Amino acid sequence: MLDLFGDVIITSDDITAWVHAVAPAFCSSERAMALYIRQWDVVDKIRRAKLSGYFDSTIENARERRAFLLRRFRL
């Protein structure tokens, strides 16, 4: 989805969902999350994923992988 200026709309909910799915260890504190978002250029990754149509599937695949690993190693 694009805004009036042709940019991809990225909300804070999108960023939070991405970090929770892809790198949950960085959700331990606001500082850790902010550092991860800035250093790993999460906003650009989300922008590219939305433009290519893989945003939702990336989050879902990351959640499924984490659930599989939890079941596999009984964590």
C-alpha atoms as a PDB file:
ATOM      1  CA  MET A   1       0.000   0.000   0.000  1.00  0.00           C
ATOM      2  CA  LEU A   2       1.347   3.391  -0.943  1.00  0.00           C
ATOM      3  CA  ASP A   3       0.690   6.791   0.535  1.00  0.00           C
ATOM      4  CA  LEU A   4      -0.033   9.989  -1.398  1.00  0.00           C
ATOM      5  CA  PHE A   5       3.665  10.498  -2.144  1.00  0.00           C
ATOM      6  CA  GLY A   6       4.212   6.979  -3.494  1.00  0.00           C
ATOM      7  CA  ASP A   7       6.043   5.662  -0.434  1.00  0.00           C
ATOM      8  CA  VAL A   8       5.267   2.348   1.218  1.00  0.00           C
ATOM      9  CA  ILE A   9       3.281   2.754   4.430  1.00  0.00           C
ATOM     10  CA  ILE A  10       5.188   1.271   7.374  1.00  0.00           C
ATOM     11  CA  THR A  11       3.598   1.524  10.800  1.00  0.00           C
ATOM     12  CA  SER A  12       5.128   0.941  14.206  1.00  0.00           C
ATOM     13  CA  ASP A  13       2.923  -2.171  14.416  1.00  0.00           C
ATOM     14  CA  ASP A  14       4.634  -3.495  11.267  1.00  0.00           C
ATOM     15  CA  ILE A  15       8.060  -2.895  12.787  1.00  0.00           C
ATOM     16  CA  THR A  16       7.091  -4.512  16.090  1.00  0.00           C
ATOM     17  CA  ALA A  17       5.578  -7.534  14.353  1.00  0.00           C
ATOM     18  CA  TRP A  18       8.709  -7.959  12.222  1.00  0.00           C
ATOM     19  CA  VAL A  19      11.099  -7.818  15.164  1.00  0.00           C
ATOM     20  CA  HIS A  20       8.943 -10.140  17.289  1.00  0.00           C
ATOM     21  CA  ALA A  21       8.832 -12.677  14.449  1.00  0.00           C
ATOM     22  CA  VAL A  22      12.334 -12.437  13.028  1.00  0.00           C
ATOM     23  CA  ALA A  23      14.475 -11.528  16.051  1.00  0.00           C
ATOM     24  CA  PRO A  24      12.490 -12.079  19.269  1.00  0.00           C
ATOM     25  CA  ALA A  25      15.609 -11.905  21.443  1.00  0.00           C
ATOM     26  CA  PHE A  26      15.795  -8.179  20.734  1.00  0.00           C
ATOM     27  CA  CYS A  27      12.356  -7.580  22.236  1.00  0.00           C
ATOM     28  CA  SER A  28      13.735  -7.838  25.774  1.00  0.00           C
ATOM     29  CA  SER A  29      13.960  -4.065  26.148  1.00  0.00           C
ATOM     30  CA  GLU A  30      13.085  -0.933  24.225  1.00  0.00           C
ATOM     31  CA  ARG A  31      16.772  -0.103  23.927  1.00  0.00           C
ATOM     32  CA  ALA A  32      17.631  -3.494  22.429  1.00  0.00           C
ATOM     33  CA  MET A  33      14.743  -3.251  19.975  1.00  0.00           C
ATOM     34  CA  ALA A  34      15.648   0.290  18.908  1.00  0.00           C
ATOM     35  CA  LEU A  35      19.264  -0.736  18.413  1.00  0.00           C
ATOM     36  CA  TYR A  36      18.249  -3.741  16.316  1.00  0.00           C
ATOM     37  CA  ILE A  37      15.849  -1.701  14.192  1.00  0.00           C
ATOM     38  CA  ARG A  38      18.499   0.924  13.496  1.00  0.00           C
ATOM     39  CA  GLN A  39      21.517  -1.339  12.972  1.00  0.00           C
ATOM     40  CA  TRP A  40      19.779  -3.955  10.825  1.00  0.00           C
ATOM     41  CA  ASP A  41      17.823  -1.382   8.788  1.00  0.00           C
ATOM     42  CA  VAL A  42      14.505  -3.033   9.581  1.00  0.00           C
ATOM     43  CA  VAL A  43      12.429  -0.281   7.989  1.00  0.00           C
ATOM     44  CA  ASP A  44      14.099  -0.835   4.614  1.00  0.00           C
ATOM     45  CA  LYS A  45      13.681  -4.607   4.935  1.00  0.00           C
ATOM     46  CA  ILE A  46       9.973  -4.132   5.617  1.00  0.00           C
ATOM     47  CA  ARG A  47       9.673  -1.714   2.691  1.00  0.00           C
ATOM     48  CA  ARG A  48      11.278  -4.236   0.304  1.00  0.00           C
ATOM     49  CA  ALA A  49       9.189  -7.112   1.689  1.00  0.00           C
ATOM     50  CA  LYS A  50       5.962  -5.149   1.226  1.00  0.00           C
ATOM     51  CA  LEU A  51       6.890  -4.106  -2.309  1.00  0.00           C
ATOM     52  CA  SER A  52       7.700  -7.696  -3.263  1.00  0.00           C
ATOM     53  CA  GLY A  53       4.612  -9.051  -1.504  1.00  0.00           C
ATOM     54  CA  TYR A  54       6.492 -11.138   1.041  1.00  0.00           C
ATOM     55  CA  PHE A  55       5.861  -9.170   4.231  1.00  0.00           C
ATOM     56  CA  ASP A  56       3.092 -11.371   5.654  1.00  0.00           C
ATOM     57  CA  SER A  57       4.711 -14.619   4.558  1.00  0.00           C
ATOM     58  CA  THR A  58       8.063 -13.606   6.073  1.00  0.00           C
ATOM     59  CA  ILE A  59       6.453 -13.009   9.448  1.00  0.00           C
ATOM     60  CA  GLU A  60       4.413 -16.209   9.257  1.00  0.00           C
ATOM     61  CA  ASN A  61       7.416 -18.315   8.197  1.00  0.00           C
ATOM     62  CA  ALA A  62       9.520 -16.918  11.039  1.00  0.00           C
ATOM     63  CA  ARG A  63       6.775 -17.721  13.560  1.00  0.00           C
ATOM     64  CA  GLU A  64       6.364 -21.241  12.172  1.00  0.00           C
ATOM     65  CA  ARG A  65      10.121 -21.835  12.311  1.00  0.00           C
ATOM     66  CA  ARG A  66      10.308 -20.655  15.913  1.00  0.00           C
ATOM     67  CA  ALA A  67       7.376 -22.906  16.860  1.00  0.00           C
ATOM     68  CA  PHE A  68       9.050 -25.848  15.121  1.00  0.00           C
ATOM     69  CA  LEU A  69      12.319 -25.241  16.955  1.00  0.00           C
ATOM     70  CA  LEU A  70      10.507 -24.996  20.272  1.00  0.00           C
ATOM     71  CA  ARG A  71       8.773 -28.308  19.624  1.00  0.00           C
ATOM     72  CA  ARG A  72      11.946 -29.927  18.300  1.00  0.00           C
ATOM     73  CA  PHE A  73      14.130 -28.981  21.239  1.00  0.00           C
ATOM     74  CA  ARG A  74      11.281 -28.969  23.773  1.00  0.00           C
ATOM     75  CA  LEU A  75      12.037 -25.464  24.989  1.00  0.00           C
END
